[in-house]
Amino acid sequence: MPAARIRDLPPSAVKAALDAHEIILVDVREPAEFAAERIHGAVNFPLSTFDPAALPKAGDRLIVFQCGSGKRSGMAVERCQAAGHDIDAHLAGGIMAWKAQRLPTVTLDTATGGVRDAR
C-alpha cells in the first residue's frame, strides 16, 4: 500500500476556511479533551473509535482533521485513505499550533460547568 498523502494546513488557512464554511473540522481527540477545550465549529470523532464510514457527509466542503499536536489527525488521514476515502488534510500542529497563533477556542469552565470563548 502506498504511503498516505497528508496535506499540512496552517492554522490561519484552517481558520479562514472555517469562517468561510468551506471545511468540516473533525477533532479526533478523546471526548474529555474535546470537552475541556475545542475549536469552535469542530465535530468530535475520537480516533479510539474512529470509523471512516461514519464521517459526516461533507457535500462540497473539505474534511480537515485536527488533534492536539498533529499526530492523531495524521493517523486519521491514513485510516481514511486505507478505507478508500479521498481525504488528505489536517491542521498542522493541532490545537497547540492553533493556540500559539492566538486563535480562539471554546473551553470548559470547571467552576460552573459552562463553556466560554477563550484566546
N, C-alpha and C. Protein backbone atom coordinates (compact mmCIF):
# COMPACT_ATOMS: atom_id res chain seq x y z
N MET A 1 0.84 -1.17 0.00
CA MET A 1 0.00 0.00 0.00
C MET A 1 0.89 1.24 0.00
N PRO A 2 0.60 2.24 -0.84
CA PRO A 2 1.43 3.45 -0.89
C PRO A 2 1.28 4.27 0.39
N ALA A 3 2.30 5.08 0.66
CA ALA A 3 2.25 5.95 1.84
C ALA A 3 1.12 6.97 1.68
N ALA A 4 0.55 7.35 2.81
CA ALA A 4 -0.54 8.32 2.79
C ALA A 4 -0.04 9.68 2.32
N ARG A 5 -0.89 10.38 1.59
CA ARG A 5 -0.62 11.77 1.23
C ARG A 5 -1.29 12.61 2.30
N ILE A 6 -0.51 13.42 2.97
CA ILE A 6 -1.07 14.26 4.03
C ILE A 6 -0.71 15.71 3.77
N ARG A 7 -1.74 16.54 3.65
CA ARG A 7 -1.53 17.98 3.48
C ARG A 7 -1.57 18.65 4.85
N ASP A 8 -0.50 19.35 5.18
CA ASP A 8 -0.40 20.09 6.43
C ASP A 8 -0.96 21.49 6.21
N LEU A 9 -2.12 21.78 6.77
CA LEU A 9 -2.71 23.10 6.64
C LEU A 9 -2.35 23.94 7.86
N PRO A 10 -1.86 25.16 7.66
CA PRO A 10 -1.53 26.01 8.80
C PRO A 10 -2.80 26.52 9.48
N PRO A 11 -2.70 26.87 10.77
CA PRO A 11 -3.88 27.36 11.49
C PRO A 11 -4.60 28.50 10.78
N SER A 12 -3.88 29.44 10.20
CA SER A 12 -4.52 30.58 9.55
C SER A 12 -5.40 30.13 8.38
N ALA A 13 -4.96 29.14 7.62
CA ALA A 13 -5.74 28.63 6.49
C ALA A 13 -6.98 27.89 6.99
N VAL A 14 -6.84 27.11 8.06
CA VAL A 14 -7.98 26.38 8.62
C VAL A 14 -9.00 27.37 9.17
N LYS A 15 -8.54 28.39 9.86
CA LYS A 15 -9.45 29.42 10.41
C LYS A 15 -10.22 30.09 9.28
N ALA A 16 -9.53 30.51 8.22
CA ALA A 16 -10.19 31.18 7.10
C ALA A 16 -11.21 30.25 6.44
N ALA A 17 -10.87 28.99 6.27
CA ALA A 17 -11.78 28.03 5.65
C ALA A 17 -12.98 27.74 6.55
N LEU A 18 -12.76 27.68 7.86
CA LEU A 18 -13.88 27.50 8.80
C LEU A 18 -14.83 28.69 8.71
N ASP A 19 -14.27 29.89 8.75
CA ASP A 19 -15.08 31.11 8.69
C ASP A 19 -15.88 31.19 7.40
N ALA A 20 -15.32 30.67 6.31
CA ALA A 20 -15.99 30.69 5.01
C ALA A 20 -16.90 29.48 4.80
N HIS A 21 -17.00 28.60 5.81
CA HIS A 21 -17.82 27.39 5.73
C HIS A 21 -17.39 26.48 4.58
N GLU A 22 -16.08 26.43 4.33
CA GLU A 22 -15.53 25.60 3.25
C GLU A 22 -15.06 24.23 3.73
N ILE A 23 -14.96 24.05 5.04
CA ILE A 23 -14.47 22.78 5.59
C ILE A 23 -15.37 22.28 6.71
N ILE A 24 -15.23 20.99 6.98
CA ILE A 24 -15.74 20.40 8.21
C ILE A 24 -14.50 20.02 9.01
N LEU A 25 -14.34 20.62 10.17
CA LEU A 25 -13.19 20.33 11.02
C LEU A 25 -13.56 19.19 11.95
N VAL A 26 -12.82 18.09 11.83
CA VAL A 26 -13.09 16.88 12.62
C VAL A 26 -11.98 16.71 13.63
N ASP A 27 -12.33 16.87 14.91
CA ASP A 27 -11.40 16.74 16.03
C ASP A 27 -11.36 15.26 16.43
N VAL A 28 -10.19 14.63 16.33
CA VAL A 28 -10.09 13.20 16.62
C VAL A 28 -9.56 12.92 18.02
N ARG A 29 -9.53 13.95 18.88
CA ARG A 29 -9.14 13.73 20.27
C ARG A 29 -10.27 13.04 21.02
N GLU A 30 -9.97 12.59 22.22
CA GLU A 30 -10.97 11.90 23.04
C GLU A 30 -12.01 12.89 23.57
N PRO A 31 -13.21 12.40 23.90
CA PRO A 31 -14.29 13.30 24.34
C PRO A 31 -13.90 14.23 25.50
N ALA A 32 -13.15 13.74 26.47
CA ALA A 32 -12.76 14.61 27.59
C ALA A 32 -11.86 15.75 27.13
N GLU A 33 -10.96 15.47 26.18
CA GLU A 33 -10.10 16.52 25.64
C GLU A 33 -10.95 17.54 24.88
N PHE A 34 -11.87 17.04 24.09
CA PHE A 34 -12.76 17.90 23.30
C PHE A 34 -13.61 18.77 24.22
N ALA A 35 -14.13 18.20 25.29
CA ALA A 35 -14.98 18.95 26.22
C ALA A 35 -14.19 20.03 26.94
N ALA A 36 -12.95 19.74 27.28
CA ALA A 36 -12.14 20.70 28.04
C ALA A 36 -11.76 21.92 27.20
N GLU A 37 -11.44 21.71 25.93
CA GLU A 37 -11.09 22.81 25.03
C GLU A 37 -11.20 22.34 23.60
N ARG A 38 -11.83 23.16 22.78
CA ARG A 38 -12.01 22.79 21.38
C ARG A 38 -12.03 24.03 20.50
N ILE A 39 -11.91 23.80 19.22
CA ILE A 39 -12.03 24.86 18.23
C ILE A 39 -13.51 24.98 17.89
N HIS A 40 -14.01 26.20 17.96
CA HIS A 40 -15.43 26.43 17.67
C HIS A 40 -15.77 25.93 16.27
N GLY A 41 -16.80 25.11 16.19
CA GLY A 41 -17.23 24.57 14.91
C GLY A 41 -16.73 23.17 14.62
N ALA A 42 -15.79 22.69 15.41
CA ALA A 42 -15.27 21.33 15.21
C ALA A 42 -16.29 20.30 15.68
N VAL A 43 -16.27 19.13 15.03
CA VAL A 43 -17.07 17.99 15.47
C VAL A 43 -16.12 16.93 15.99
N ASN A 44 -16.57 16.15 16.96
CA ASN A 44 -15.69 15.18 17.62
C ASN A 44 -15.93 13.77 17.11
N PHE A 45 -14.87 13.16 16.56
CA PHE A 45 -14.85 11.76 16.13
C PHE A 45 -13.56 11.16 16.68
N PRO A 46 -13.56 10.65 17.93
CA PRO A 46 -12.33 10.18 18.57
C PRO A 46 -11.63 9.09 17.75
N LEU A 47 -10.31 9.20 17.70
CA LEU A 47 -9.52 8.22 16.96
C LEU A 47 -9.67 6.82 17.55
N SER A 48 -9.90 6.73 18.86
CA SER A 48 -10.00 5.41 19.51
C SER A 48 -11.18 4.59 18.99
N THR A 49 -12.20 5.24 18.48
CA THR A 49 -13.37 4.54 17.94
C THR A 49 -13.64 4.97 16.50
N PHE A 50 -12.61 5.45 15.83
CA PHE A 50 -12.73 6.07 14.52
C PHE A 50 -13.18 5.09 13.44
N ASP A 51 -14.19 5.48 12.69
CA ASP A 51 -14.68 4.69 11.56
C ASP A 51 -14.87 5.65 10.39
N PRO A 52 -14.01 5.57 9.37
CA PRO A 52 -14.14 6.49 8.23
C PRO A 52 -15.53 6.50 7.61
N ALA A 53 -16.23 5.38 7.67
CA ALA A 53 -17.57 5.31 7.08
C ALA A 53 -18.59 6.15 7.86
N ALA A 54 -18.29 6.50 9.10
CA ALA A 54 -19.23 7.25 9.93
C ALA A 54 -19.01 8.76 9.88
N LEU A 55 -18.04 9.21 9.09
CA LEU A 55 -17.78 10.64 9.00
C LEU A 55 -19.00 11.37 8.44
N PRO A 56 -19.17 12.64 8.83
CA PRO A 56 -20.31 13.38 8.29
C PRO A 56 -20.19 13.57 6.78
N LYS A 57 -21.31 13.67 6.13
CA LYS A 57 -21.32 13.94 4.69
C LYS A 57 -20.84 15.37 4.49
N ALA A 58 -19.81 15.54 3.68
CA ALA A 58 -19.18 16.85 3.53
C ALA A 58 -19.78 17.67 2.40
N GLY A 59 -20.50 17.05 1.48
CA GLY A 59 -21.01 17.80 0.33
C GLY A 59 -19.84 18.40 -0.44
N ASP A 60 -19.88 19.70 -0.64
CA ASP A 60 -18.80 20.35 -1.39
C ASP A 60 -17.71 20.90 -0.46
N ARG A 61 -17.81 20.59 0.83
CA ARG A 61 -16.79 21.04 1.78
C ARG A 61 -15.69 19.99 1.93
N LEU A 62 -14.54 20.44 2.34
CA LEU A 62 -13.38 19.59 2.57
C LEU A 62 -13.39 19.13 4.03
N ILE A 63 -13.08 17.86 4.26
CA ILE A 63 -12.91 17.39 5.64
C ILE A 63 -11.45 17.61 6.02
N VAL A 64 -11.26 18.25 7.17
CA VAL A 64 -9.92 18.51 7.72
C VAL A 64 -9.90 17.94 9.13
N PHE A 65 -8.90 17.12 9.42
CA PHE A 65 -8.77 16.54 10.75
C PHE A 65 -7.91 17.42 11.64
N GLN A 66 -8.13 17.29 12.94
CA GLN A 66 -7.41 18.07 13.94
C GLN A 66 -7.30 17.27 15.22
N CYS A 67 -6.17 17.41 15.91
CA CYS A 67 -5.99 16.78 17.21
C CYS A 67 -5.22 17.74 18.11
N GLY A 68 -4.45 17.20 19.04
CA GLY A 68 -3.69 18.05 19.94
C GLY A 68 -2.42 18.62 19.32
N SER A 69 -1.68 17.75 18.61
CA SER A 69 -0.38 18.18 18.06
C SER A 69 -0.20 17.86 16.58
N GLY A 70 -1.08 17.08 16.01
CA GLY A 70 -0.98 16.71 14.60
C GLY A 70 -0.73 15.23 14.36
N LYS A 71 -0.36 14.50 15.39
CA LYS A 71 -0.06 13.07 15.20
C LYS A 71 -1.32 12.25 14.94
N ARG A 72 -2.31 12.37 15.81
CA ARG A 72 -3.54 11.58 15.64
C ARG A 72 -4.32 11.99 14.40
N SER A 73 -4.29 13.27 14.07
CA SER A 73 -5.01 13.71 12.86
C SER A 73 -4.36 13.12 11.61
N GLY A 74 -3.04 12.99 11.62
CA GLY A 74 -2.35 12.33 10.52
C GLY A 74 -2.74 10.87 10.43
N MET A 75 -2.90 10.23 11.58
CA MET A 75 -3.33 8.83 11.60
C MET A 75 -4.75 8.69 11.04
N ALA A 76 -5.61 9.66 11.32
CA ALA A 76 -6.98 9.63 10.79
C ALA A 76 -6.97 9.74 9.27
N VAL A 77 -6.10 10.61 8.73
CA VAL A 77 -5.96 10.71 7.28
C VAL A 77 -5.54 9.36 6.70
N GLU A 78 -4.55 8.73 7.33
CA GLU A 78 -4.07 7.42 6.86
C GLU A 78 -5.19 6.38 6.87
N ARG A 79 -6.00 6.36 7.93
CA ARG A 79 -7.10 5.39 8.02
C ARG A 79 -8.14 5.64 6.93
N CYS A 80 -8.42 6.91 6.68
CA CYS A 80 -9.40 7.23 5.63
C CYS A 80 -8.90 6.79 4.27
N GLN A 81 -7.65 7.08 3.97
CA GLN A 81 -7.10 6.69 2.68
C GLN A 81 -7.05 5.17 2.54
N ALA A 82 -6.73 4.46 3.61
CA ALA A 82 -6.71 3.00 3.56
C ALA A 82 -8.11 2.44 3.30
N ALA A 83 -9.14 3.19 3.72
CA ALA A 83 -10.53 2.77 3.51
C ALA A 83 -11.08 3.27 2.17
N GLY A 84 -10.23 3.92 1.37
CA GLY A 84 -10.64 4.36 0.05
C GLY A 84 -11.21 5.77 -0.03
N HIS A 85 -11.13 6.53 1.05
CA HIS A 85 -11.64 7.91 1.04
C HIS A 85 -10.55 8.86 0.56
N ASP A 86 -10.96 9.85 -0.21
CA ASP A 86 -10.03 10.84 -0.74
C ASP A 86 -9.94 12.03 0.23
N ILE A 87 -9.40 11.77 1.39
CA ILE A 87 -9.23 12.80 2.43
C ILE A 87 -7.74 12.89 2.71
N ASP A 88 -7.19 14.11 2.68
CA ASP A 88 -5.74 14.22 2.85
C ASP A 88 -5.29 15.37 3.73
N ALA A 89 -6.21 16.14 4.33
CA ALA A 89 -5.82 17.37 5.02
C ALA A 89 -5.98 17.28 6.54
N HIS A 90 -5.02 17.91 7.22
CA HIS A 90 -5.15 18.05 8.66
C HIS A 90 -4.52 19.37 9.10
N LEU A 91 -4.90 19.79 10.31
CA LEU A 91 -4.37 21.01 10.90
C LEU A 91 -2.96 20.72 11.41
N ALA A 92 -1.97 21.27 10.75
CA ALA A 92 -0.57 21.05 11.14
C ALA A 92 -0.34 21.60 12.54
N GLY A 93 0.17 20.75 13.42
CA GLY A 93 0.46 21.18 14.79
C GLY A 93 -0.73 21.13 15.73
N GLY A 94 -1.90 20.77 15.20
CA GLY A 94 -3.08 20.61 16.03
C GLY A 94 -3.52 21.86 16.77
N ILE A 95 -4.29 21.63 17.83
CA ILE A 95 -4.82 22.75 18.60
C ILE A 95 -3.69 23.53 19.29
N MET A 96 -2.55 22.88 19.52
CA MET A 96 -1.42 23.60 20.11
C MET A 96 -0.94 24.69 19.16
N ALA A 97 -0.83 24.40 17.87
CA ALA A 97 -0.42 25.40 16.90
C ALA A 97 -1.50 26.47 16.75
N TRP A 98 -2.75 26.06 16.80
CA TRP A 98 -3.88 26.98 16.72
C TRP A 98 -3.78 28.01 17.85
N LYS A 99 -3.58 27.51 19.07
CA LYS A 99 -3.48 28.40 20.24
C LYS A 99 -2.22 29.27 20.18
N ALA A 100 -1.13 28.73 19.64
CA ALA A 100 0.11 29.51 19.51
C ALA A 100 -0.10 30.71 18.59
N GLN A 101 -1.04 30.59 17.66
CA GLN A 101 -1.38 31.70 16.76
C GLN A 101 -2.43 32.63 17.39
N ARG A 102 -2.76 32.36 18.64
CA ARG A 102 -3.76 33.13 19.39
C ARG A 102 -5.14 33.12 18.73
N LEU A 103 -5.48 31.99 18.13
CA LEU A 103 -6.80 31.83 17.54
C LEU A 103 -7.75 31.34 18.63
N PRO A 104 -9.03 31.64 18.52
CA PRO A 104 -9.98 31.36 19.61
C PRO A 104 -10.31 29.88 19.77
N THR A 105 -10.56 29.52 21.03
CA THR A 105 -11.03 28.19 21.37
C THR A 105 -12.24 28.34 22.29
N VAL A 106 -12.93 27.26 22.50
CA VAL A 106 -14.01 27.19 23.46
C VAL A 106 -13.50 26.30 24.59
N THR A 107 -13.61 26.78 25.83
CA THR A 107 -13.12 25.99 26.97
C THR A 107 -14.25 25.72 27.94
N LEU A 108 -14.04 24.72 28.77
CA LEU A 108 -14.98 24.36 29.81
C LEU A 108 -14.59 25.09 31.08
N ASP A 109 -15.53 25.83 31.67
CA ASP A 109 -15.31 26.49 32.96
C ASP A 109 -15.58 25.44 34.04
N THR A 110 -14.52 24.95 34.65
CA THR A 110 -14.69 23.86 35.62
C THR A 110 -15.43 24.30 36.88
N ALA A 111 -15.46 25.58 37.16
CA ALA A 111 -16.17 26.07 38.35
C ALA A 111 -17.68 26.03 38.15
N THR A 112 -18.14 26.30 36.92
CA THR A 112 -19.58 26.37 36.68
C THR A 112 -20.11 25.28 35.76
N GLY A 113 -19.21 24.62 35.03
CA GLY A 113 -19.63 23.62 34.07
C GLY A 113 -20.05 24.23 32.74
N GLY A 114 -20.00 25.54 32.65
CA GLY A 114 -20.36 26.23 31.41
C GLY A 114 -19.19 26.29 30.45
N VAL A 115 -19.47 26.70 29.24
CA VAL A 115 -18.41 26.87 28.25
C VAL A 115 -18.18 28.35 28.05
N ARG A 116 -16.95 28.69 27.66
CA ARG A 116 -16.63 30.09 27.39
C ARG A 116 -15.63 30.16 26.25
N ASP A 117 -15.73 31.25 25.52
CA ASP A 117 -14.75 31.50 24.46
C ASP A 117 -13.46 31.95 25.09
N ALA A 118 -12.34 31.49 24.55
CA ALA A 118 -11.02 31.83 25.09
C ALA A 118 -10.08 32.12 23.95
N ARG A 119 -9.01 32.82 24.27
CA ARG A 119 -7.92 33.07 23.34
C ARG A 119 -6.65 32.66 24.00
